[in-house]
Amino acid sequence: MLIIPLQALPSQTLSVAVGPQDCSIAVYQKSTGLFLDLSAGGTPRVQGVLCHDRVLLVRQAYLGFIGDLCFIDTQGKTDPVYAGLGSRYLLAYLSPSDVAGLS
């Protein structure tokens, strides 16, 4: 598992290498929750995914992303909000073996 560094901002985009993939991740707060867009290798993989605590964000192998992402609440079990990003709410990259261990 790799923690992807985020800042407590309502909207941010970052480039990060996870596993063998160069990714662009956008995280943004709306009135209905925190959302995530993910591109890998320049190809969009998921767009507008509502983020929940400890719920996989990609979920489907056919999307072509190796591994998965999820948010983890370090102080409870609430869904993430931007004010706690990088401290209370961590974005984690899970390798394929990490994901297999969840089954």
Protein backbone atom coordinates (compact mmCIF):
# COMPACT_ATOMS: atom_id res chain seq x y z
CA MET A 1 0.00 0.00 0.00
CA LEU A 2 1.22 3.47 -0.91
CA ILE A 3 -0.21 6.70 0.54
CA ILE A 4 -0.69 9.38 -2.12
CA PRO A 5 -0.06 12.84 -0.63
CA LEU A 6 -3.00 15.23 -0.77
CA GLN A 7 -3.53 18.71 0.63
CA ALA A 8 -6.57 20.04 2.49
CA LEU A 9 -7.86 21.90 -0.59
CA PRO A 10 -11.37 21.71 -2.10
CA SER A 11 -9.95 20.95 -5.56
CA GLN A 12 -6.58 19.58 -6.60
CA THR A 13 -4.92 17.62 -9.38
CA LEU A 14 -1.66 15.75 -9.05
CA SER A 15 0.58 13.56 -11.13
CA VAL A 16 1.92 10.47 -9.42
CA ALA A 17 3.52 7.16 -10.37
CA VAL A 18 1.77 4.20 -8.77
CA GLY A 19 2.97 0.73 -9.57
CA PRO A 20 3.97 0.73 -13.24
CA GLN A 21 1.57 3.58 -14.11
CA ASP A 22 1.94 7.33 -14.50
CA CYS A 23 -1.33 8.75 -13.22
CA SER A 24 -3.21 11.99 -13.02
CA ILE A 25 -5.60 12.20 -10.07
CA ALA A 26 -8.13 14.97 -9.55
CA VAL A 27 -9.93 15.23 -6.21
CA TYR A 28 -12.68 17.79 -5.76
CA GLN A 29 -15.36 18.63 -3.22
CA LYS A 30 -18.98 19.21 -4.23
CA SER A 31 -22.02 19.76 -2.04
CA THR A 32 -22.83 16.06 -2.39
CA GLY A 33 -19.40 14.73 -1.37
CA LEU A 34 -15.78 14.31 -2.41
CA PHE A 35 -15.18 13.06 -5.97
CA LEU A 36 -12.21 11.63 -7.85
CA ASP A 37 -11.12 11.42 -11.50
CA LEU A 38 -8.28 9.07 -12.48
CA SER A 39 -6.26 8.84 -15.69
CA ALA A 40 -3.42 6.37 -16.22
CA GLY A 41 -1.04 6.55 -19.14
CA GLY A 42 -3.01 9.52 -20.47
CA THR A 43 -6.24 7.49 -20.68
CA PRO A 44 -9.21 8.28 -18.40
CA ARG A 45 -10.01 5.25 -16.22
CA VAL A 46 -12.76 6.58 -13.91
CA GLN A 47 -14.46 9.98 -13.75
CA GLY A 48 -16.68 11.52 -11.08
CA VAL A 49 -16.41 8.67 -8.57
CA LEU A 50 -17.98 9.50 -5.21
CA CYS A 51 -15.43 8.74 -2.49
CA HIS A 52 -16.39 6.71 0.57
CA ASP A 53 -14.31 5.46 3.48
CA ARG A 54 -12.54 2.17 2.69
CA VAL A 55 -14.42 1.58 -0.58
CA LEU A 56 -12.42 0.75 -3.72
CA LEU A 57 -12.68 3.48 -6.35
CA VAL A 58 -11.79 1.67 -9.60
CA ARG A 59 -13.12 -1.84 -8.84
CA GLN A 60 -13.14 -3.21 -12.40
CA ALA A 61 -10.08 -4.78 -14.08
CA TYR A 62 -11.46 -4.09 -17.56
CA LEU A 63 -10.83 -0.36 -16.96
CA GLY A 64 -7.12 -1.07 -17.40
CA PHE A 65 -5.86 0.26 -14.06
CA ILE A 66 -3.41 -1.98 -12.23
CA GLY A 67 -4.41 -2.12 -8.57
CA ASP A 68 -6.97 0.21 -6.98
CA LEU A 69 -7.41 3.33 -4.87
CA CYS A 70 -9.35 3.98 -1.67
CA PHE A 71 -9.70 6.59 1.03
CA ILE A 72 -9.02 5.67 4.66
CA ASP A 73 -10.39 7.60 7.62
CA THR A 74 -7.66 7.41 10.27
CA GLN A 75 -9.97 8.60 13.07
CA GLY A 76 -13.19 6.71 12.43
CA LYS A 77 -15.34 5.54 9.56
CA THR A 78 -16.71 8.67 7.92
CA ASP A 79 -16.56 9.55 4.24
CA PRO A 80 -13.78 11.97 3.30
CA VAL A 81 -14.16 15.73 3.06
CA TYR A 82 -11.51 18.06 1.70
CA ALA A 83 -10.70 19.74 5.04
CA GLY A 84 -9.17 16.51 6.37
CA LEU A 85 -7.28 15.42 3.25
CA GLY A 86 -3.67 14.50 3.93
CA SER A 87 -4.21 14.16 7.67
CA ARG A 88 -7.43 12.45 8.73
CA TYR A 89 -8.36 11.17 5.25
CA LEU A 90 -5.59 9.40 3.35
CA LEU A 91 -5.70 8.29 -0.28
CA ALA A 92 -4.11 4.88 -0.64
CA TYR A 93 -2.94 3.01 -3.73
CA LEU A 94 -3.46 -0.73 -3.36
CA SER A 95 -1.33 -3.06 -5.47
CA PRO A 96 -2.99 -6.07 -7.12
CA SER A 97 -1.79 -8.29 -4.23
CA ASP A 98 -3.25 -5.82 -1.69
CA VAL A 99 -6.60 -5.93 -3.52
CA ALA A 100 -6.52 -9.74 -3.71
CA GLY A 101 -5.98 -9.84 0.06
CA LEU A 102 -9.30 -8.02 0.58
CA SER A 103 -11.32 -10.88 -0.91
